[in-house]
């Protein structure tokens, strides 16, 4: 199969997934953006206050977009049909993870842009840190949903991790989701690394179990 044929296949897969799998998670993520804008006063925030709307609510766009990656094929019979196709189910999942992650980045940029428009002192690190935390929280949920075969379980694990960031902030160290809200302006890169490792490990285990 030539390169052009492969590109055409991936483009067709992308079109189908953007039409059938993507809309509801994307709408949920956009709804979170709107709710955060309504619940928080974004006018002229400074210092740690800038991070509060980002870390307390906006990071949930990660789970909203990443946890449902395996949702369409939770039915084992449907999963077997998908796995029988020429393009592997693993490649489809990786494609979904990529466009979900890009959406996390895009929505974070939009929201921080709105904050800047309201004269909040948003620094590049706030943008970077929010993206890293959203992707880590999403990766935790994705791994839990994929390994358990249950999207609801993925969201539950996300909530437990989020609550742990409140109660065990010091023990979690750089993996605390709320570090910027408490004045810490370093360590978010480790969260991005943890997110990548977690996703790859989950996919590897699922591949070994023949879930994908």
N, C-alpha and C. Protein backbone atom coordinates (compact mmCIF):
# COMPACT_ATOMS: atom_id res chain seq x y z
N UNK A 1 0.85 -1.20 0.00
CA UNK A 1 0.00 0.00 0.00
C UNK A 1 0.88 1.24 0.00
N UNK A 2 0.61 2.17 -0.91
CA UNK A 2 1.42 3.36 -1.02
C UNK A 2 1.09 4.40 0.04
N UNK A 3 1.97 5.40 0.12
CA UNK A 3 1.80 6.44 1.12
C UNK A 3 0.50 7.22 0.90
N UNK A 4 0.20 7.51 -0.35
CA UNK A 4 -1.03 8.26 -0.66
C UNK A 4 -2.27 7.49 -0.22
N UNK A 5 -2.24 6.17 -0.42
CA UNK A 5 -3.38 5.34 0.00
C UNK A 5 -3.53 5.37 1.52
N UNK A 6 -2.40 5.30 2.23
CA UNK A 6 -2.46 5.33 3.69
C UNK A 6 -3.01 6.67 4.20
N UNK A 7 -2.54 7.75 3.58
CA UNK A 7 -3.01 9.08 3.98
C UNK A 7 -4.51 9.20 3.75
N UNK A 8 -4.97 8.66 2.62
CA UNK A 8 -6.40 8.72 2.32
C UNK A 8 -7.21 7.93 3.34
N UNK A 9 -6.68 6.77 3.75
CA UNK A 9 -7.37 5.94 4.76
C UNK A 9 -7.46 6.68 6.08
N UNK A 10 -6.32 7.28 6.50
CA UNK A 10 -6.32 8.01 7.78
C UNK A 10 -7.24 9.23 7.73
N UNK A 11 -7.28 9.89 6.59
CA UNK A 11 -8.18 11.05 6.44
C UNK A 11 -9.64 10.62 6.55
N UNK A 12 -9.96 9.48 5.97
CA UNK A 12 -11.33 8.97 6.05
C UNK A 12 -11.68 8.57 7.48
N UNK A 13 -10.73 7.93 8.17
CA UNK A 13 -10.94 7.56 9.58
C UNK A 13 -11.15 8.81 10.42
N UNK A 14 -10.34 9.83 10.15
CA UNK A 14 -10.45 11.08 10.90
C UNK A 14 -11.82 11.72 10.68
N UNK A 15 -12.27 11.74 9.43
CA UNK A 15 -13.58 12.34 9.13
C UNK A 15 -14.70 11.62 9.87
N UNK A 16 -14.66 10.30 9.85
CA UNK A 16 -15.71 9.52 10.51
C UNK A 16 -15.70 9.76 12.01
N UNK A 17 -14.51 9.77 12.61
CA UNK A 17 -14.42 9.95 14.06
C UNK A 17 -14.79 11.37 14.49
N UNK A 18 -14.41 12.35 13.69
CA UNK A 18 -14.78 13.72 14.02
C UNK A 18 -16.29 13.92 13.92
N UNK A 19 -16.92 13.15 13.08
CA UNK A 19 -18.37 13.28 12.91
C UNK A 19 -19.15 12.47 13.95
N UNK A 20 -18.59 11.31 14.35
CA UNK A 20 -19.37 10.41 15.21
C UNK A 20 -18.88 10.34 16.65
N UNK A 21 -17.56 10.32 16.86
CA UNK A 21 -17.03 10.15 18.22
C UNK A 21 -16.72 11.47 18.91
N UNK A 22 -16.34 12.47 18.15
CA UNK A 22 -15.78 13.71 18.71
C UNK A 22 -16.79 14.74 19.22
N UNK A 23 -17.96 14.91 18.59
CA UNK A 23 -18.81 16.05 18.94
C UNK A 23 -19.21 16.15 20.40
N UNK A 24 -19.66 15.07 21.02
CA UNK A 24 -20.14 15.17 22.40
C UNK A 24 -19.02 15.48 23.39
N UNK A 25 -17.86 14.80 23.33
CA UNK A 25 -16.75 15.22 24.20
C UNK A 25 -16.33 16.66 23.97
N UNK A 26 -16.32 17.10 22.70
CA UNK A 26 -15.93 18.48 22.41
C UNK A 26 -16.94 19.46 22.98
N UNK A 27 -18.22 19.15 22.86
CA UNK A 27 -19.26 20.01 23.43
C UNK A 27 -19.15 20.08 24.95
N UNK A 28 -18.84 18.95 25.58
CA UNK A 28 -18.67 18.93 27.04
C UNK A 28 -17.50 19.82 27.45
N UNK A 29 -16.41 19.76 26.69
CA UNK A 29 -15.24 20.58 27.00
C UNK A 29 -15.54 22.06 26.83
N UNK A 30 -16.24 22.41 25.75
CA UNK A 30 -16.62 23.81 25.53
C UNK A 30 -17.56 24.28 26.64
N UNK A 31 -18.47 23.40 27.06
CA UNK A 31 -19.38 23.75 28.16
C UNK A 31 -18.60 24.04 29.44
N UNK A 32 -17.55 23.28 29.69
CA UNK A 32 -16.71 23.54 30.86
C UNK A 32 -16.04 24.90 30.77
N UNK A 33 -15.61 25.26 29.58
CA UNK A 33 -15.01 26.58 29.37
C UNK A 33 -16.02 27.68 29.71
N UNK A 34 -17.25 27.52 29.21
CA UNK A 34 -18.29 28.52 29.45
C UNK A 34 -18.64 28.60 30.93
N UNK A 35 -18.77 27.43 31.58
CA UNK A 35 -19.12 27.40 33.00
C UNK A 35 -18.03 28.05 33.84
N UNK A 36 -16.76 27.78 33.50
CA UNK A 36 -15.65 28.40 34.23
C UNK A 36 -15.69 29.91 34.09
N UNK A 37 -15.99 30.37 32.88
CA UNK A 37 -16.09 31.82 32.64
C UNK A 37 -17.21 32.44 33.47
N UNK A 38 -18.31 31.70 33.65
CA UNK A 38 -19.44 32.23 34.40
C UNK A 38 -19.22 32.18 35.91
N UNK A 39 -18.53 31.14 36.38
CA UNK A 39 -18.38 30.96 37.82
C UNK A 39 -17.26 31.79 38.43
N UNK A 40 -16.25 32.09 37.65
CA UNK A 40 -15.09 32.81 38.17
C UNK A 40 -15.06 34.24 37.65
N UNK A 41 -14.68 35.13 38.52
CA UNK A 41 -14.43 36.52 38.11
C UNK A 41 -13.02 36.58 37.52
N UNK A 42 -12.93 36.82 36.24
CA UNK A 42 -11.63 36.79 35.55
C UNK A 42 -11.02 38.17 35.38
N UNK A 43 -11.60 39.17 35.99
CA UNK A 43 -11.14 40.54 35.81
C UNK A 43 -9.90 40.83 36.65
N UNK A 44 -8.82 41.22 35.97
CA UNK A 44 -7.60 41.72 36.61
C UNK A 44 -7.07 40.80 37.69
N UNK A 45 -7.03 39.50 37.42
CA UNK A 45 -6.44 38.56 38.38
C UNK A 45 -4.93 38.66 38.36
N UNK A 46 -4.32 38.43 39.51
CA UNK A 46 -2.86 38.50 39.63
C UNK A 46 -2.35 37.30 40.42
N UNK A 47 -1.08 36.96 40.19
CA UNK A 47 -0.41 35.93 40.98
C UNK A 47 -1.10 34.59 40.94
N UNK A 48 -1.19 33.97 42.14
CA UNK A 48 -1.78 32.64 42.25
C UNK A 48 -3.26 32.64 41.88
N UNK A 49 -3.92 33.79 41.99
CA UNK A 49 -5.34 33.87 41.65
C UNK A 49 -5.59 33.58 40.18
N UNK A 50 -4.61 33.84 39.34
CA UNK A 50 -4.75 33.56 37.90
C UNK A 50 -4.93 32.06 37.67
N UNK A 51 -4.25 31.26 38.48
CA UNK A 51 -4.27 29.80 38.27
C UNK A 51 -5.53 29.14 38.79
N UNK A 52 -6.27 29.79 39.68
CA UNK A 52 -7.41 29.13 40.31
C UNK A 52 -8.49 28.68 39.33
N UNK A 53 -8.99 29.53 38.45
CA UNK A 53 -9.99 29.01 37.49
C UNK A 53 -9.41 27.96 36.55
N UNK A 54 -8.14 28.08 36.24
CA UNK A 54 -7.50 27.13 35.33
C UNK A 54 -7.36 25.75 35.97
N UNK A 55 -6.90 25.70 37.22
CA UNK A 55 -6.63 24.42 37.86
C UNK A 55 -7.86 23.84 38.55
N UNK A 56 -8.76 24.68 38.99
CA UNK A 56 -9.91 24.17 39.74
C UNK A 56 -11.02 23.64 38.84
N UNK A 57 -11.12 24.13 37.62
CA UNK A 57 -12.21 23.69 36.75
C UNK A 57 -11.77 23.43 35.31
N UNK A 58 -10.98 24.33 34.74
CA UNK A 58 -10.66 24.20 33.32
C UNK A 58 -9.87 22.92 33.00
N UNK A 59 -9.10 22.41 33.95
CA UNK A 59 -8.31 21.21 33.65
C UNK A 59 -9.21 19.99 33.39
N UNK A 60 -10.50 20.09 33.74
CA UNK A 60 -11.41 18.98 33.49
C UNK A 60 -11.74 18.81 32.01
N UNK A 61 -11.28 19.74 31.18
CA UNK A 61 -11.44 19.51 29.74
C UNK A 61 -10.60 18.31 29.30
N UNK A 62 -9.55 18.01 30.05
CA UNK A 62 -8.72 16.83 29.74
C UNK A 62 -9.53 15.55 29.82
N UNK A 63 -10.13 15.25 30.98
CA UNK A 63 -10.99 14.06 31.06
C UNK A 63 -12.18 14.10 30.10
N UNK A 64 -12.78 15.28 29.93
CA UNK A 64 -13.94 15.38 29.03
C UNK A 64 -13.60 14.91 27.63
N UNK A 65 -12.38 15.16 27.19
CA UNK A 65 -11.98 14.82 25.81
C UNK A 65 -11.27 13.47 25.71
N UNK A 66 -10.52 13.08 26.74
CA UNK A 66 -9.69 11.88 26.64
C UNK A 66 -10.36 10.61 27.19
N UNK A 67 -11.16 10.75 28.23
CA UNK A 67 -11.79 9.54 28.80
C UNK A 67 -12.67 8.82 27.78
N UNK A 68 -13.43 9.54 26.92
CA UNK A 68 -14.31 8.83 25.98
C UNK A 68 -13.62 8.23 24.76
N UNK A 69 -12.29 8.21 24.73
CA UNK A 69 -11.57 7.70 23.55
C UNK A 69 -12.00 6.28 23.21
N UNK A 70 -12.18 5.42 24.22
CA UNK A 70 -12.54 4.02 23.97
C UNK A 70 -14.05 3.77 24.07
N UNK A 71 -14.81 4.83 24.35
CA UNK A 71 -16.24 4.66 24.63
C UNK A 71 -17.03 4.01 23.50
N UNK A 72 -16.81 4.40 22.22
CA UNK A 72 -17.65 3.81 21.15
C UNK A 72 -17.52 2.29 21.04
N UNK A 73 -16.39 1.74 21.49
CA UNK A 73 -16.17 0.29 21.35
C UNK A 73 -16.20 -0.43 22.69
N UNK A 74 -16.89 0.11 23.68
CA UNK A 74 -16.98 -0.59 24.96
C UNK A 74 -17.75 -1.90 24.84
N UNK A 75 -18.65 -1.96 23.87
CA UNK A 75 -19.33 -3.22 23.59
C UNK A 75 -18.33 -4.19 22.95
N UNK A 76 -18.04 -5.34 23.59
CA UNK A 76 -17.03 -6.27 23.06
C UNK A 76 -17.30 -6.72 21.63
N UNK A 77 -18.57 -6.91 21.27
CA UNK A 77 -18.90 -7.36 19.92
C UNK A 77 -18.54 -6.29 18.89
N UNK A 78 -18.83 -5.04 19.23
CA UNK A 78 -18.48 -3.95 18.33
C UNK A 78 -16.97 -3.80 18.23
N UNK A 79 -16.27 -4.01 19.37
CA UNK A 79 -14.81 -3.92 19.36
C UNK A 79 -14.21 -4.97 18.45
N UNK A 80 -14.78 -6.18 18.45
CA UNK A 80 -14.27 -7.25 17.59
C UNK A 80 -14.45 -6.90 16.11
N UNK A 81 -15.55 -6.24 15.79
CA UNK A 81 -15.79 -5.81 14.41
C UNK A 81 -14.74 -4.79 13.99
N UNK A 82 -14.46 -3.82 14.88
CA UNK A 82 -13.48 -2.78 14.59
C UNK A 82 -12.08 -3.38 14.43
N UNK A 83 -11.75 -4.33 15.28
CA UNK A 83 -10.42 -4.95 15.23
C UNK A 83 -10.22 -5.78 13.97
N UNK A 84 -11.31 -6.21 13.36
CA UNK A 84 -11.20 -7.04 12.16
C UNK A 84 -10.93 -6.21 10.91
N UNK A 85 -11.01 -4.91 11.03
CA UNK A 85 -10.79 -4.06 9.86
C UNK A 85 -9.30 -3.97 9.51
N UNK A 86 -9.04 -3.46 8.30
CA UNK A 86 -7.66 -3.39 7.81
C UNK A 86 -6.80 -2.47 8.66
N UNK A 87 -7.34 -1.32 9.04
CA UNK A 87 -6.61 -0.39 9.91
C UNK A 87 -6.82 -0.80 11.36
N UNK A 88 -5.74 -0.97 12.10
CA UNK A 88 -5.85 -1.49 13.46
C UNK A 88 -6.59 -0.52 14.38
N UNK A 89 -7.27 -1.09 15.36
CA UNK A 89 -8.01 -0.30 16.34
C UNK A 89 -7.04 0.58 17.14
N UNK A 90 -5.82 0.10 17.36
CA UNK A 90 -4.81 0.89 18.07
C UNK A 90 -4.55 2.21 17.35
N UNK A 91 -4.41 2.15 16.03
CA UNK A 91 -4.16 3.37 15.25
C UNK A 91 -5.34 4.34 15.35
N UNK A 92 -6.55 3.80 15.36
CA UNK A 92 -7.74 4.65 15.51
C UNK A 92 -7.71 5.35 16.86
N UNK A 93 -7.36 4.61 17.93
CA UNK A 93 -7.31 5.19 19.27
C UNK A 93 -6.22 6.26 19.38
N UNK A 94 -5.07 6.00 18.78
CA UNK A 94 -3.99 6.98 18.80
C UNK A 94 -4.42 8.26 18.09
N UNK A 95 -5.12 8.11 16.98
CA UNK A 95 -5.63 9.28 16.25
C UNK A 95 -6.60 10.07 17.12
N UNK A 96 -7.48 9.39 17.81
CA UNK A 96 -8.41 10.06 18.72
C UNK A 96 -7.68 10.80 19.84
N UNK A 97 -6.67 10.16 20.39
CA UNK A 97 -5.90 10.78 21.47
C UNK A 97 -5.21 12.05 20.98
N UNK A 98 -4.70 12.01 19.75
CA UNK A 98 -4.00 13.16 19.20
C UNK A 98 -4.93 14.35 19.00
N UNK A 99 -6.10 14.12 18.39
CA UNK A 99 -6.97 15.28 18.16
C UNK A 99 -7.64 15.74 19.44
N UNK A 100 -7.84 14.84 20.40
CA UNK A 100 -8.36 15.27 21.70
C UNK A 100 -7.34 16.14 22.44
N UNK A 101 -6.07 15.75 22.37
CA UNK A 101 -5.01 16.52 23.01
C UNK A 101 -4.85 17.90 22.37
N UNK A 102 -4.95 17.94 21.05
CA UNK A 102 -4.87 19.23 20.36
C UNK A 102 -6.04 20.14 20.74
N UNK A 103 -7.21 19.54 20.99
CA UNK A 103 -8.36 20.32 21.41
C UNK A 103 -8.15 20.88 22.81
N UNK A 104 -7.53 20.09 23.70
CA UNK A 104 -7.18 20.58 25.04
C UNK A 104 -6.30 21.82 24.94
N UNK A 105 -5.30 21.74 24.08
CA UNK A 105 -4.39 22.88 23.90
C UNK A 105 -5.14 24.08 23.35
N UNK A 106 -5.96 23.86 22.33
CA UNK A 106 -6.69 24.96 21.70
C UNK A 106 -7.64 25.65 22.67
N UNK A 107 -8.40 24.87 23.44
CA UNK A 107 -9.36 25.45 24.38
C UNK A 107 -8.65 26.19 25.52
N UNK A 108 -7.51 25.67 25.94
CA UNK A 108 -6.74 26.36 26.97
C UNK A 108 -6.25 27.71 26.46
N UNK A 109 -5.80 27.74 25.22
CA UNK A 109 -5.35 28.99 24.62
C UNK A 109 -6.51 29.98 24.50
N UNK A 110 -7.67 29.47 24.13
CA UNK A 110 -8.86 30.34 24.02
C UNK A 110 -9.21 30.93 25.38
N UNK A 111 -9.24 30.07 26.40
CA UNK A 111 -9.65 30.54 27.72
C UNK A 111 -8.64 31.52 28.31
N UNK A 112 -7.37 31.22 28.19
CA UNK A 112 -6.36 32.16 28.72
C UNK A 112 -6.37 33.45 27.91
N UNK A 113 -6.73 33.37 26.63
CA UNK A 113 -6.90 34.58 25.84
C UNK A 113 -8.03 35.44 26.37
N UNK A 114 -9.13 34.79 26.78
CA UNK A 114 -10.25 35.52 27.38
C UNK A 114 -9.83 36.17 28.70
N UNK A 115 -9.00 35.46 29.46
CA UNK A 115 -8.51 36.01 30.72
C UNK A 115 -7.64 37.24 30.48
N UNK A 116 -6.80 37.16 29.46
CA UNK A 116 -5.97 38.31 29.12
C UNK A 116 -6.82 39.49 28.67
N UNK A 117 -7.88 39.20 27.94
CA UNK A 117 -8.78 40.26 27.50
C UNK A 117 -9.45 40.95 28.68
N UNK A 118 -9.60 40.20 29.79
CA UNK A 118 -10.16 40.77 31.02
C UNK A 118 -9.06 41.36 31.93
N UNK A 119 -7.87 41.54 31.35
CA UNK A 119 -6.74 42.19 32.03
C UNK A 119 -6.16 41.37 33.18
N UNK A 120 -6.35 40.07 33.14
CA UNK A 120 -5.66 39.20 34.10
C UNK A 120 -4.22 39.02 33.66
N UNK A 121 -3.32 38.90 34.62
CA UNK A 121 -1.89 38.80 34.31
C UNK A 121 -1.51 37.34 34.05
N UNK A 122 -1.95 36.84 32.90
CA UNK A 122 -1.67 35.46 32.51
C UNK A 122 -0.25 35.37 31.96
N UNK A 123 0.54 34.50 32.55
CA UNK A 123 1.92 34.28 32.10
C UNK A 123 1.98 33.03 31.22
N UNK A 124 3.01 32.92 30.39
CA UNK A 124 3.15 31.70 29.57
C UNK A 124 3.13 30.43 30.42
N UNK A 125 3.67 30.53 31.65
CA UNK A 125 3.69 29.33 32.49
C UNK A 125 2.29 28.90 32.91
N UNK A 126 1.39 29.85 33.06
CA UNK A 126 0.01 29.49 33.38
C UNK A 126 -0.62 28.67 32.25
N UNK A 127 -0.34 29.08 31.04
CA UNK A 127 -0.86 28.36 29.87
C UNK A 127 -0.25 26.96 29.82
N UNK A 128 1.06 26.91 29.94
CA UNK A 128 1.79 25.64 29.90
C UNK A 128 1.34 24.71 31.02
N UNK A 129 1.26 25.26 32.23
CA UNK A 129 0.87 24.45 33.38
C UNK A 129 -0.53 23.91 33.27
N UNK A 130 -1.44 24.71 32.76
CA UNK A 130 -2.83 24.28 32.61
C UNK A 130 -2.95 23.15 31.59
N UNK A 131 -2.23 23.27 30.50
CA UNK A 131 -2.25 22.22 29.48
C UNK A 131 -1.70 20.92 30.05
N UNK A 132 -0.59 21.00 30.77
CA UNK A 132 0.03 19.80 31.35
C UNK A 132 -0.90 19.13 32.34
N UNK A 133 -1.53 19.91 33.22
CA UNK A 133 -2.43 19.34 34.22
C UNK A 133 -3.67 18.73 33.59
N UNK A 134 -4.22 19.42 32.58
CA UNK A 134 -5.40 18.89 31.89
C UNK A 134 -5.08 17.56 31.19
N UNK A 135 -3.92 17.50 30.57
CA UNK A 135 -3.53 16.27 29.88
C UNK A 135 -3.24 15.14 30.86
N UNK A 136 -2.64 15.47 32.01
CA UNK A 136 -2.38 14.43 33.00
C UNK A 136 -3.68 13.89 33.59
N UNK A 137 -4.58 14.79 33.97
CA UNK A 137 -5.87 14.35 34.51
C UNK A 137 -6.63 13.53 33.47
N UNK A 138 -6.56 13.97 32.22
CA UNK A 138 -7.20 13.21 31.15
C UNK A 138 -6.55 11.85 30.93
N UNK A 139 -5.22 11.81 31.03
CA UNK A 139 -4.51 10.54 30.84
C UNK A 139 -4.84 9.54 31.94
N UNK A 140 -4.98 10.04 33.17
CA UNK A 140 -5.38 9.17 34.29
C UNK A 140 -6.73 8.54 33.99
N UNK A 141 -7.68 9.36 33.55
CA UNK A 141 -9.01 8.84 33.23
C UNK A 141 -9.02 7.93 32.03
N UNK A 142 -8.24 8.27 31.02
CA UNK A 142 -8.14 7.43 29.82
C UNK A 142 -7.61 6.05 30.17
N UNK A 143 -6.54 6.01 30.97
CA UNK A 143 -5.94 4.73 31.36
C UNK A 143 -6.93 3.90 32.17
N UNK A 144 -7.61 4.54 33.12
CA UNK A 144 -8.58 3.82 33.96
C UNK A 144 -9.75 3.31 33.13
N UNK A 145 -10.24 4.15 32.20
CA UNK A 145 -11.36 3.75 31.36
C UNK A 145 -10.97 2.62 30.41
N UNK A 146 -9.78 2.72 29.85
CA UNK A 146 -9.33 1.71 28.91
C UNK A 146 -9.08 0.36 29.56
N UNK A 147 -8.41 0.37 30.71
CA UNK A 147 -8.07 -0.88 31.39
C UNK A 147 -9.28 -1.54 32.03
N UNK A 148 -10.23 -0.73 32.50
CA UNK A 148 -11.42 -1.28 33.13
C UNK A 148 -12.55 -1.55 32.14
N UNK A 149 -12.45 -0.93 30.96
CA UNK A 149 -13.52 -1.05 29.98
C UNK A 149 -14.77 -0.29 30.36
N UNK A 150 -14.58 0.76 31.18
CA UNK A 150 -15.73 1.50 31.70
C UNK A 150 -15.37 2.98 31.78
N UNK A 151 -16.02 3.81 30.97
CA UNK A 151 -15.74 5.24 30.96
C UNK A 151 -16.11 5.89 32.28
N UNK A 152 -17.21 5.44 32.90
CA UNK A 152 -17.61 6.01 34.19
C UNK A 152 -16.53 5.79 35.24
N UNK A 153 -15.89 4.62 35.20
CA UNK A 153 -14.79 4.34 36.11
C UNK A 153 -13.62 5.28 35.88
N UNK A 154 -13.40 5.65 34.62
CA UNK A 154 -12.33 6.59 34.30
C UNK A 154 -12.57 7.94 34.93
N UNK A 155 -13.80 8.45 34.85
CA UNK A 155 -14.13 9.73 35.47
C UNK A 155 -14.03 9.66 36.99
N UNK A 156 -14.37 8.51 37.56
CA UNK A 156 -14.30 8.36 39.01
C UNK A 156 -12.85 8.42 39.49
N UNK A 157 -11.96 7.76 38.76
CA UNK A 157 -10.54 7.79 39.12
C UNK A 157 -10.00 9.21 38.99
N UNK A 158 -10.45 9.95 37.98
CA UNK A 158 -10.06 11.35 37.82
C UNK A 158 -10.47 12.16 39.05
N UNK A 159 -11.67 11.94 39.51
CA UNK A 159 -12.16 12.67 40.69
C UNK A 159 -11.32 12.34 41.93
N UNK A 160 -10.97 11.06 42.08
CA UNK A 160 -10.14 10.67 43.23
C UNK A 160 -8.77 11.35 43.17
N UNK A 161 -8.19 11.41 42.00
CA UNK A 161 -6.89 12.07 41.83
C UNK A 161 -7.01 13.57 42.10
N UNK A 162 -8.09 14.15 41.61
CA UNK A 162 -8.33 15.58 41.82
C UNK A 162 -8.46 15.88 43.32
N UNK A 163 -9.23 15.06 44.04
CA UNK A 163 -9.41 15.25 45.48
C UNK A 163 -8.09 15.01 46.24
N UNK A 164 -7.29 14.07 45.74
CA UNK A 164 -5.99 13.81 46.37
C UNK A 164 -5.08 15.02 46.26
N UNK A 165 -5.25 15.81 45.20
CA UNK A 165 -4.44 17.01 45.04
C UNK A 165 -4.79 18.06 46.11
N UNK A 166 -5.99 17.98 46.66
CA UNK A 166 -6.36 18.85 47.77
C UNK A 166 -5.77 18.33 49.08
N UNK A 167 -6.00 17.03 49.36
CA UNK A 167 -5.63 16.49 50.65
C UNK A 167 -4.19 16.08 50.80
N UNK A 168 -3.53 15.72 49.69
CA UNK A 168 -2.14 15.24 49.76
C UNK A 168 -1.25 16.06 48.84
N UNK A 169 -1.45 17.35 48.83
CA UNK A 169 -0.73 18.23 47.92
C UNK A 169 0.79 18.09 48.07
N UNK A 170 1.28 18.08 49.30
CA UNK A 170 2.72 17.99 49.52
C UNK A 170 3.28 16.63 49.13
N UNK A 171 2.52 15.58 49.39
CA UNK A 171 3.00 14.24 49.05
C UNK A 171 3.06 14.02 47.54
N UNK A 172 2.12 14.63 46.83
CA UNK A 172 2.12 14.49 45.38
C UNK A 172 3.23 15.29 44.72
N UNK A 173 3.69 16.34 45.39
CA UNK A 173 4.79 17.16 44.87
C UNK A 173 4.46 17.77 43.52
N UNK A 174 5.33 17.53 42.54
CA UNK A 174 5.14 18.14 41.22
C UNK A 174 3.96 17.54 40.46
N UNK A 175 3.39 16.45 40.97
CA UNK A 175 2.24 15.83 40.32
C UNK A 175 0.92 16.36 40.88
N UNK A 176 0.98 17.32 41.78
CA UNK A 176 -0.24 17.94 42.29
C UNK A 176 -0.87 18.79 41.20
N UNK A 177 -2.16 18.61 41.00
CA UNK A 177 -2.86 19.35 39.96
C UNK A 177 -3.06 20.81 40.31
N UNK A 178 -2.93 21.16 41.59
CA UNK A 178 -3.26 22.50 42.07
C UNK A 178 -2.02 23.29 42.50
N UNK A 179 -0.87 22.93 42.01
CA UNK A 179 0.38 23.54 42.47
C UNK A 179 0.45 25.04 42.14
N UNK A 180 -0.01 25.45 40.97
CA UNK A 180 0.08 26.87 40.60
C UNK A 180 -0.83 27.72 41.48
N UNK A 181 -1.97 27.16 41.88
CA UNK A 181 -2.91 27.90 42.73
C UNK A 181 -2.32 28.16 44.11
N UNK A 182 -1.28 27.38 44.47
CA UNK A 182 -0.63 27.54 45.76
C UNK A 182 0.72 28.24 45.63
N UNK A 183 0.93 28.86 44.47
CA UNK A 183 2.11 29.69 44.29
C UNK A 183 3.34 29.01 43.74
N UNK A 184 3.24 27.71 43.42
CA UNK A 184 4.41 26.99 42.89
C UNK A 184 4.44 27.13 41.38
N UNK A 185 5.53 27.63 40.86
CA UNK A 185 5.64 27.90 39.42
C UNK A 185 6.71 27.05 38.76
N UNK A 186 6.71 25.77 39.10
CA UNK A 186 7.66 24.85 38.46
C UNK A 186 7.11 23.43 38.55
N UNK A 187 7.66 22.55 37.76
CA UNK A 187 7.33 21.13 37.86
C UNK A 187 6.24 20.62 36.94
N UNK A 188 5.58 21.50 36.20
CA UNK A 188 4.48 21.04 35.36
C UNK A 188 4.95 20.14 34.21
N UNK A 189 6.19 20.31 33.81
CA UNK A 189 6.72 19.45 32.75
C UNK A 189 6.69 17.98 33.13
N UNK A 190 6.87 17.69 34.43
CA UNK A 190 6.81 16.32 34.90
C UNK A 190 5.41 15.75 34.73
N UNK A 191 4.41 16.62 34.83
CA UNK A 191 3.03 16.16 34.63
C UNK A 191 2.80 15.75 33.18
N UNK A 192 3.34 16.52 32.26
CA UNK A 192 3.21 16.16 30.85
C UNK A 192 3.91 14.84 30.57
N UNK A 193 5.12 14.67 31.13
CA UNK A 193 5.85 13.41 30.95
C UNK A 193 5.06 12.25 31.54
N UNK A 194 4.49 12.45 32.72
CA UNK A 194 3.69 11.40 33.36
C UNK A 194 2.47 11.06 32.50
N UNK A 195 1.87 12.07 31.88
CA UNK A 195 0.70 11.83 31.03
C UNK A 195 1.08 10.97 29.83
N UNK A 196 2.19 11.29 29.19
CA UNK A 196 2.64 10.53 28.01
C UNK A 196 2.96 9.09 28.40
N UNK A 197 3.69 8.91 29.50
CA UNK A 197 4.06 7.56 29.96
C UNK A 197 2.81 6.76 30.30
N UNK A 198 1.87 7.40 30.97
CA UNK A 198 0.64 6.71 31.38
C UNK A 198 -0.17 6.25 30.18
N UNK A 199 -0.30 7.11 29.18
CA UNK A 199 -1.06 6.74 27.98
C UNK A 199 -0.37 5.59 27.24
N UNK A 200 0.95 5.70 27.07
CA UNK A 200 1.68 4.65 26.37
C UNK A 200 1.60 3.32 27.12
N UNK A 201 1.73 3.38 28.45
CA UNK A 201 1.65 2.15 29.26
C UNK A 201 0.26 1.52 29.16
N UNK A 202 -0.77 2.36 29.22
CA UNK A 202 -2.14 1.85 29.12
C UNK A 202 -2.38 1.19 27.77
N UNK A 203 -1.93 1.83 26.70
CA UNK A 203 -2.10 1.25 25.36
C UNK A 203 -1.34 -0.07 25.23
N UNK A 204 -0.13 -0.12 25.82
CA UNK A 204 0.67 -1.34 25.76
C UNK A 204 -0.01 -2.49 26.49
N UNK A 205 -0.55 -2.21 27.68
CA UNK A 205 -1.23 -3.25 28.45
C UNK A 205 -2.50 -3.70 27.73
N UNK A 206 -3.24 -2.74 27.19
CA UNK A 206 -4.46 -3.09 26.46
C UNK A 206 -4.14 -3.91 25.21
N UNK A 207 -3.03 -3.57 24.57
CA UNK A 207 -2.60 -4.33 23.39
C UNK A 207 -2.24 -5.77 23.79
N UNK A 208 -1.56 -5.90 24.92
CA UNK A 208 -1.17 -7.23 25.40
C UNK A 208 -2.39 -8.07 25.78
N UNK A 209 -3.40 -7.40 26.34
CA UNK A 209 -4.65 -8.08 26.70
C UNK A 209 -5.55 -8.34 25.50
N UNK A 210 -5.15 -7.82 24.35
CA UNK A 210 -5.94 -7.91 23.13
C UNK A 210 -7.26 -7.14 23.25
N UNK A 211 -7.20 -6.02 24.00
CA UNK A 211 -8.36 -5.12 24.08
C UNK A 211 -8.37 -4.15 22.91
N UNK A 212 -7.21 -3.94 22.32
CA UNK A 212 -7.11 -3.07 21.15
C UNK A 212 -6.24 -3.73 20.10
